[in-house]
N, C-alpha and C. Protein backbone atom coordinates (compact mmCIF):
# COMPACT_ATOMS: atom_id res chain seq x y z
N UNK A 1 101.80 80.82 72.04
CA UNK A 1 102.19 82.34 71.52
C UNK A 1 100.92 82.11 70.54
N UNK A 2 100.66 81.36 69.71
CA UNK A 2 99.77 81.33 68.73
C UNK A 2 98.53 80.69 69.07
N UNK A 3 98.69 79.98 70.29
CA UNK A 3 97.72 79.25 70.66
C UNK A 3 97.20 78.15 70.01
N UNK A 4 97.96 77.24 69.57
CA UNK A 4 97.58 76.31 68.56
C UNK A 4 97.56 74.95 69.34
N UNK A 5 96.16 74.25 69.23
CA UNK A 5 95.93 73.16 69.90
C UNK A 5 96.81 71.89 69.15
N UNK A 6 96.85 70.61 69.50
CA UNK A 6 97.20 69.46 69.19
C UNK A 6 96.85 69.17 67.57
N UNK A 7 95.46 69.03 67.74
CA UNK A 7 94.79 68.76 66.32
C UNK A 7 95.25 69.88 65.39
N UNK A 8 95.47 71.26 65.60
CA UNK A 8 95.57 72.13 64.43
C UNK A 8 97.24 72.02 64.27
N UNK A 9 98.08 71.63 65.21
CA UNK A 9 99.24 71.38 64.57
C UNK A 9 99.49 70.05 63.76
N UNK A 10 98.78 68.98 63.81
CA UNK A 10 98.80 67.90 63.08
C UNK A 10 98.40 68.24 61.64
N UNK A 11 97.19 69.14 61.63
CA UNK A 11 96.89 69.53 60.25
C UNK A 11 98.09 70.48 59.45
N UNK A 12 98.61 71.31 60.07
CA UNK A 12 99.70 72.00 59.68
C UNK A 12 100.83 70.97 59.14
N UNK A 13 101.02 69.93 60.13
CA UNK A 13 102.28 68.92 59.63
C UNK A 13 101.59 68.19 58.35
N UNK A 14 100.56 67.75 58.28
CA UNK A 14 100.19 67.09 57.24
C UNK A 14 100.44 67.93 55.92
N UNK A 15 99.94 69.28 56.02
CA UNK A 15 100.01 70.09 54.99
C UNK A 15 101.33 70.22 54.31
N UNK A 16 102.21 70.34 55.54
CA UNK A 16 103.62 70.83 55.28
C UNK A 16 104.13 69.53 54.65
N UNK A 17 103.63 68.23 54.97
CA UNK A 17 104.41 67.20 54.24
C UNK A 17 103.87 66.87 52.51
N UNK A 18 102.76 67.20 52.70
CA UNK A 18 101.83 67.02 51.52
C UNK A 18 102.66 68.29 50.51
N UNK A 19 102.83 69.53 50.97
CA UNK A 19 103.51 70.54 49.85
C UNK A 19 104.81 70.31 49.47
N UNK A 20 105.58 70.32 51.03
CA UNK A 20 106.93 69.83 50.63
C UNK A 20 107.62 68.62 50.53
N UNK A 21 106.81 67.59 50.87
CA UNK A 21 107.45 66.10 50.67
C UNK A 21 108.05 65.62 51.63
N UNK A 22 108.50 64.72 51.70
CA UNK A 22 109.19 63.99 52.86
C UNK A 22 110.61 64.30 52.95
N UNK A 23 111.17 64.41 51.49
CA UNK A 23 112.67 64.76 51.37
C UNK A 23 112.95 66.29 51.65
N UNK A 24 112.20 67.07 51.64
CA UNK A 24 112.40 68.34 51.77
C UNK A 24 112.11 69.01 53.24
N UNK A 25 111.21 68.25 53.95
CA UNK A 25 110.65 68.52 55.22
C UNK A 25 111.62 68.96 56.35
N UNK A 26 112.57 68.05 56.39
CA UNK A 26 113.81 68.29 57.42
C UNK A 26 114.58 69.67 57.22
N UNK A 27 114.83 69.80 56.02
CA UNK A 27 115.62 70.82 55.86
C UNK A 27 114.66 72.22 56.07
N UNK A 28 113.10 72.07 55.61
CA UNK A 28 112.45 73.35 56.02
C UNK A 28 112.29 73.61 57.37
N UNK A 29 112.21 72.36 58.10
CA UNK A 29 112.11 72.43 59.60
C UNK A 29 113.13 73.46 60.22
N UNK A 30 114.42 72.71 59.72
CA UNK A 30 115.83 73.52 60.30
C UNK A 30 115.99 75.05 59.90
N UNK A 31 115.41 75.26 58.84
CA UNK A 31 115.51 76.55 58.39
C UNK A 31 114.26 77.31 59.07
N UNK A 32 113.23 76.93 59.26
CA UNK A 32 112.04 77.60 60.19
C UNK A 32 112.68 77.76 61.54
N UNK A 33 113.23 76.89 62.30
CA UNK A 33 114.15 77.01 63.66
C UNK A 33 115.14 77.74 63.62
N UNK A 34 115.81 78.20 62.41
CA UNK A 34 116.86 79.29 62.55
C UNK A 34 116.13 80.41 62.56
N UNK A 35 115.10 80.77 61.49
CA UNK A 35 114.47 82.14 61.61
C UNK A 35 113.87 82.32 62.95
N UNK A 36 113.36 81.16 63.43
CA UNK A 36 112.52 81.54 64.82
C UNK A 36 113.49 81.90 65.90
N UNK A 37 114.56 81.21 65.99
CA UNK A 37 115.82 81.59 66.86
C UNK A 37 116.28 83.13 66.61
N UNK A 38 116.39 83.58 65.51
CA UNK A 38 116.73 84.81 65.12
C UNK A 38 115.76 85.85 65.49
N UNK A 39 114.44 85.43 65.48
CA UNK A 39 113.25 86.69 65.73
C UNK A 39 113.54 86.59 67.24
N UNK A 40 113.57 85.25 68.09
CA UNK A 40 113.49 85.50 69.49
C UNK A 40 114.93 86.38 70.01
N UNK A 41 116.02 86.02 69.42
CA UNK A 41 117.11 86.71 69.60
C UNK A 41 116.98 88.37 69.48
N UNK A 42 116.50 88.79 68.54
CA UNK A 42 116.38 90.08 68.20
C UNK A 42 115.32 90.69 69.05
N UNK A 43 114.24 89.96 69.27
CA UNK A 43 113.31 90.38 70.37
C UNK A 43 113.80 90.61 71.55
N UNK A 44 114.81 89.62 72.28
CA UNK A 44 115.28 89.92 73.53
C UNK A 44 116.19 90.95 73.66
N UNK A 45 117.08 91.13 72.28
CA UNK A 45 118.05 92.34 72.30
C UNK A 45 117.29 93.39 72.38
N UNK A 46 116.08 93.79 71.75
CA UNK A 46 115.11 94.81 71.86
C UNK A 46 114.92 95.07 73.05
N UNK A 47 114.05 94.05 73.79
CA UNK A 47 113.74 94.20 74.97
C UNK A 47 114.76 94.62 75.99
N UNK A 48 116.07 94.17 75.88
CA UNK A 48 117.03 94.54 76.91
C UNK A 48 117.67 95.98 76.44
N UNK A 49 117.69 96.42 75.42
CA UNK A 49 117.98 97.92 75.11
C UNK A 49 116.73 98.94 75.69
N UNK A 50 115.44 98.45 75.28
CA UNK A 50 114.47 99.04 76.18
C UNK A 50 114.49 99.32 77.36
N UNK A 51 114.86 98.00 78.39
CA UNK A 51 114.83 98.12 79.81
C UNK A 51 116.11 99.12 80.25
N UNK A 52 117.12 99.09 79.13
CA UNK A 52 118.54 99.99 79.61
C UNK A 52 118.07 101.44 79.52
N UNK A 53 117.17 101.66 78.42
CA UNK A 53 116.47 103.07 78.21
C UNK A 53 115.77 103.40 79.47
N UNK A 54 115.12 102.41 79.87
CA UNK A 54 114.06 102.59 80.97
C UNK A 54 114.89 103.11 82.19
N UNK A 55 116.02 102.14 82.51
CA UNK A 55 116.75 102.52 83.70
C UNK A 55 117.64 103.75 83.67
N UNK A 56 118.04 104.27 82.38
CA UNK A 56 118.58 105.51 82.10
C UNK A 56 117.37 106.66 82.74
N UNK A 57 116.31 106.38 82.09
CA UNK A 57 115.44 107.59 82.46
C UNK A 57 114.99 107.36 83.97
N UNK A 58 114.79 106.53 84.47
CA UNK A 58 114.66 106.69 85.99
C UNK A 58 115.78 107.13 86.99
N UNK A 59 117.06 107.08 86.23
CA UNK A 59 118.12 107.49 86.95
C UNK A 59 118.14 108.94 86.73
N UNK A 60 117.82 109.46 85.79
CA UNK A 60 118.04 110.77 85.18
C UNK A 60 116.62 111.55 86.19
N UNK A 61 115.64 110.87 86.39
CA UNK A 61 114.55 111.27 87.30
C UNK A 61 115.29 111.45 88.60
N UNK A 62 115.67 110.40 89.02
CA UNK A 62 116.26 110.43 90.44
C UNK A 62 117.63 111.51 90.56
N UNK A 63 118.13 111.72 89.62
CA UNK A 63 119.22 112.85 89.46
C UNK A 63 118.58 114.18 89.71
N UNK A 64 117.68 114.35 89.06
CA UNK A 64 116.84 115.57 88.99
C UNK A 64 116.22 115.98 90.33
N UNK A 65 115.80 114.81 91.04
CA UNK A 65 115.16 115.06 92.44
C UNK A 65 116.49 115.10 93.43
N UNK A 66 117.57 114.61 93.35
CA UNK A 66 118.51 114.83 94.00
C UNK A 66 119.01 116.49 93.85
N UNK A 67 119.51 116.76 92.87
CA UNK A 67 119.77 118.00 92.48
C UNK A 67 118.64 119.17 92.91
N UNK A 68 117.52 118.63 92.79
CA UNK A 68 116.61 119.72 93.33
C UNK A 68 116.55 119.79 94.89
N UNK A 69 116.67 118.77 95.58
CA UNK A 69 116.85 118.79 96.90
C UNK A 69 117.94 119.25 97.63
N UNK A 70 119.04 119.27 96.68
CA UNK A 70 120.46 119.73 97.17
C UNK A 70 120.26 121.22 97.02
N UNK A 71 119.47 121.80 96.14
CA UNK A 71 119.20 123.34 95.82
C UNK A 71 118.64 123.82 97.12
N UNK A 72 117.61 123.10 97.91
CA UNK A 72 117.03 123.82 98.80
C UNK A 72 117.69 123.63 100.24
N UNK A 73 117.43 124.53 100.90
CA UNK A 73 118.09 124.50 102.18
C UNK A 73 117.27 123.55 103.30
N UNK A 74 117.79 122.54 103.77
CA UNK A 74 117.24 121.59 104.74
C UNK A 74 116.47 122.33 105.87
N UNK A 75 117.44 123.33 106.67
CA UNK A 75 116.44 124.05 107.56
C UNK A 75 115.12 124.91 107.00
N UNK A 76 115.22 125.35 105.88
CA UNK A 76 114.22 126.16 105.35
C UNK A 76 112.94 125.15 105.22
N UNK A 77 113.17 123.91 104.77
CA UNK A 77 112.12 122.87 104.70
C UNK A 77 111.63 122.47 105.77
N UNK A 78 112.75 122.21 106.82
CA UNK A 78 111.94 121.92 108.14
C UNK A 78 111.25 122.93 108.87
N UNK A 79 111.86 124.12 108.74
CA UNK A 79 111.06 125.41 109.25
C UNK A 79 109.90 125.36 108.78
N UNK A 80 109.48 125.22 107.35
CA UNK A 80 108.07 125.43 106.62
C UNK A 80 107.32 124.00 107.02
N UNK A 81 107.75 122.99 107.49
CA UNK A 81 106.94 121.90 107.99
C UNK A 81 106.68 122.20 109.55
N UNK A 82 107.50 122.60 110.27
CA UNK A 82 107.13 122.99 111.89
C UNK A 82 106.33 124.16 112.14
N UNK A 83 106.59 125.29 111.36
CA UNK A 83 106.10 126.39 111.68
C UNK A 83 105.86 127.40 110.30
N UNK A 84 105.01 126.69 109.48
CA UNK A 84 104.36 127.22 107.79
C UNK A 84 104.08 128.83 108.18
N UNK A 85 103.46 129.29 109.06
CA UNK A 85 103.19 130.66 109.38
C UNK A 85 103.97 131.56 109.95
N UNK A 86 105.03 131.11 110.45
CA UNK A 86 106.29 131.99 111.24
C UNK A 86 105.87 132.44 112.48
N UNK A 87 104.64 131.87 113.45
CA UNK A 87 104.09 132.57 114.57
C UNK A 87 105.22 132.19 115.48
N UNK A 88 105.85 131.06 115.66
CA UNK A 88 106.51 130.41 116.47
C UNK A 88 108.13 131.23 116.36
N UNK A 89 108.46 131.58 115.24
CA UNK A 89 109.72 132.25 114.95
C UNK A 89 109.56 133.87 115.30
N UNK A 90 108.22 134.32 115.22
CA UNK A 90 108.10 135.94 115.54
C UNK A 90 107.94 135.65 117.20
N UNK A 91 107.32 134.75 117.76
CA UNK A 91 107.44 134.98 119.19
C UNK A 91 108.73 134.91 119.96
N UNK A 92 109.57 133.85 119.32
CA UNK A 92 110.81 133.63 119.97
C UNK A 92 111.75 135.12 119.94
N UNK A 93 111.46 135.47 118.51
CA UNK A 93 112.30 136.79 118.24
C UNK A 93 111.88 137.85 119.02
N UNK A 94 110.57 138.17 119.37
CA UNK A 94 110.20 139.03 120.11
C UNK A 94 110.63 138.89 121.88
N UNK A 95 110.64 137.57 122.02
CA UNK A 95 111.09 137.30 123.38
C UNK A 95 112.39 137.66 123.68
N UNK A 96 113.29 137.23 122.74
CA UNK A 96 114.89 137.64 122.61
C UNK A 96 115.07 139.09 122.78
N UNK A 97 114.13 139.70 122.07
CA UNK A 97 114.53 141.23 121.94
C UNK A 97 114.39 142.03 123.34
N UNK A 98 113.26 141.77 123.84
CA UNK A 98 112.59 142.31 125.16
C UNK A 98 112.31 141.19 125.92
N UNK A 99 113.40 140.70 126.74
CA UNK A 99 113.39 139.54 127.81
C UNK A 99 112.08 139.87 128.75
N UNK A 100 112.30 141.32 129.23
CA UNK A 100 111.23 141.53 130.43
C UNK A 100 109.71 142.00 130.09
N UNK A 101 109.60 141.73 128.58
CA UNK A 101 108.12 141.79 128.29
C UNK A 101 107.27 140.78 128.61
N UNK A 102 106.13 140.78 129.10
CA UNK A 102 104.99 139.95 129.59
C UNK A 102 104.71 138.84 128.36
N UNK A 103 104.91 137.76 128.85
CA UNK A 103 104.49 136.67 127.73
C UNK A 103 102.97 136.58 127.71
N UNK A 104 102.17 136.31 126.81
CA UNK A 104 100.71 136.04 126.50
C UNK A 104 100.54 135.09 127.39
N UNK A 105 99.12 135.25 127.83
CA UNK A 105 98.34 134.42 128.79
C UNK A 105 98.18 133.26 128.24
N UNK A 106 98.43 132.08 128.70
CA UNK A 106 97.97 130.81 128.06
C UNK A 106 96.50 130.68 127.84
N UNK A 107 96.28 130.00 126.87
CA UNK A 107 94.80 129.82 126.68
C UNK A 107 94.23 128.51 127.73
N UNK A 108 92.99 128.80 128.20
CA UNK A 108 92.11 127.97 129.22
C UNK A 108 92.44 126.36 128.92
N UNK A 109 92.84 126.00 129.48
CA UNK A 109 93.21 124.21 129.57
C UNK A 109 94.29 123.97 128.91
N UNK A 110 95.09 124.93 128.69
CA UNK A 110 96.34 124.77 127.94
C UNK A 110 97.67 125.42 128.75
N UNK A 111 97.56 125.14 130.06
CA UNK A 111 98.46 125.37 130.67
C UNK A 111 99.94 124.70 130.86
N UNK A 112 100.13 123.59 130.10
CA UNK A 112 101.20 123.09 129.90
C UNK A 112 101.74 122.26 131.19
N UNK A 113 100.74 122.06 132.05
CA UNK A 113 101.32 121.43 133.33
C UNK A 113 101.64 122.33 134.50
N UNK A 114 101.61 123.81 134.21
CA UNK A 114 101.97 124.46 135.16
C UNK A 114 100.73 124.74 136.41
N UNK A 115 101.07 124.60 137.70
CA UNK A 115 99.68 125.11 138.65
C UNK A 115 99.11 126.06 138.61
N UNK A 116 97.97 125.95 138.35
CA UNK A 116 96.93 127.04 138.29
C UNK A 116 96.49 127.45 139.50
N UNK A 117 96.45 128.69 140.10
CA UNK A 117 96.05 129.19 141.35
C UNK A 117 94.66 129.06 141.38
N UNK A 118 94.29 128.30 142.61
CA UNK A 118 92.71 128.08 142.96
C UNK A 118 92.34 126.53 142.51
N UNK A 119 93.28 126.08 142.03
CA UNK A 119 93.19 124.59 141.51
C UNK A 119 93.53 123.48 142.51
N UNK A 120 92.63 122.40 142.80
CA UNK A 120 92.88 121.48 143.82
C UNK A 120 94.33 121.01 143.79
N UNK A 121 95.01 120.56 144.63
CA UNK A 121 96.17 119.87 144.66
C UNK A 121 95.86 118.41 144.55
N UNK A 122 96.71 117.93 143.77
CA UNK A 122 96.62 116.58 143.96
C UNK A 122 97.89 115.69 144.56
N UNK A 123 97.13 114.88 145.70
CA UNK A 123 98.49 114.32 146.32
C UNK A 123 99.16 113.14 145.72
N UNK A 124 100.41 112.94 145.79
CA UNK A 124 101.22 112.17 145.39
C UNK A 124 100.85 110.65 146.11
N UNK A 125 100.75 109.46 145.41
CA UNK A 125 100.38 107.96 145.92
C UNK A 125 101.78 107.56 145.91
N UNK A 126 101.88 106.91 147.29
CA UNK A 126 102.96 106.42 147.71
C UNK A 126 102.83 105.00 147.40
N UNK A 127 104.14 104.37 146.77
CA UNK A 127 104.16 102.96 146.60
C UNK A 127 104.56 102.00 147.87
N UNK A 128 104.13 100.97 147.82
CA UNK A 128 104.25 100.28 149.06
C UNK A 128 105.83 99.74 149.00
N UNK A 129 106.21 99.88 150.11
CA UNK A 129 107.70 99.55 150.40
C UNK A 129 108.02 98.01 150.43
N UNK A 130 109.29 97.64 149.87
CA UNK A 130 109.31 96.04 149.94
C UNK A 130 109.95 95.54 151.13
N UNK A 131 110.81 96.50 152.12
CA UNK A 131 111.30 95.88 152.96
C UNK A 131 109.91 96.03 154.47
N UNK A 132 108.97 96.28 154.23
CA UNK A 132 107.92 95.98 155.25
C UNK A 132 107.65 94.64 155.59
N UNK A 133 107.11 94.45 156.93
CA UNK A 133 106.76 93.18 157.20
C UNK A 133 105.57 92.73 156.63
N UNK A 134 105.61 91.30 156.31
CA UNK A 134 104.48 90.94 155.47
C UNK A 134 103.15 90.63 156.71
N UNK A 135 102.17 90.89 156.09
CA UNK A 135 100.83 91.08 156.99
C UNK A 135 100.70 89.35 157.33
N UNK A 136 100.74 88.53 156.65
CA UNK A 136 100.61 86.85 156.69
C UNK A 136 101.78 86.20 156.33
N UNK A 137 101.88 85.24 157.02
CA UNK A 137 103.08 84.14 156.56
C UNK A 137 102.77 83.46 155.20
N UNK A 138 103.95 83.15 154.51
CA UNK A 138 103.52 82.42 153.52
C UNK A 138 103.78 81.03 153.14
N UNK A 139 104.50 80.55 153.94
CA UNK A 139 104.39 78.94 154.15
C UNK A 139 104.11 78.27 155.35
N UNK A 140 103.83 77.03 155.62
CA UNK A 140 103.70 76.55 156.81
C UNK A 140 104.93 76.49 157.87
N UNK A 141 105.93 76.46 157.11
CA UNK A 141 107.39 76.57 158.02
C UNK A 141 107.07 77.93 158.66
N UNK A 142 106.65 78.99 158.05
CA UNK A 142 106.92 80.41 158.62
C UNK A 142 105.68 80.25 159.60
N UNK A 143 104.74 79.33 159.70
CA UNK A 143 103.95 79.52 160.68
C UNK A 143 104.18 78.87 162.01
N UNK A 144 104.97 77.77 162.00
CA UNK A 144 105.49 77.15 163.04
C UNK A 144 106.75 77.93 163.49
N UNK A 145 107.50 78.78 163.17
CA UNK A 145 108.37 79.45 163.34
C UNK A 145 107.84 80.87 164.17
N UNK A 146 106.77 81.09 163.81
CA UNK A 146 105.92 82.31 164.56
C UNK A 146 105.51 81.94 165.73
N UNK A 147 104.93 80.75 166.07
CA UNK A 147 104.37 80.33 167.17
C UNK A 147 105.31 79.94 168.26
């Protein structure tokens, strides 16, 4: 704590023996130890109270955040994240109001997987079937039985 080396402690001990004398030195050391214990207990008590106040402050902050979140609508929050400008909501609303209305043309290259007229069709690739006859025998026993 005070960063004293052994040599410095020896000097302090020697001065204490010279000033207090050998008879009063044990009593002085006991008094010093009691005072040191009292200071340590007071500091730990202070630190405990300080930590408790800090925890209460954090709990108050969390309580405020929960109250703030409970006051806002979750639906509004999600809507703001998904559609901040409200464009999707307007399109859905107009579609349900007039179902016969023409939908806007999709942007080029953004057809969403819908077949475009004039586009070349891609043929599906067939997977090889498991029960097809093998081209070559796999073992010597198969070779003998084949002949």
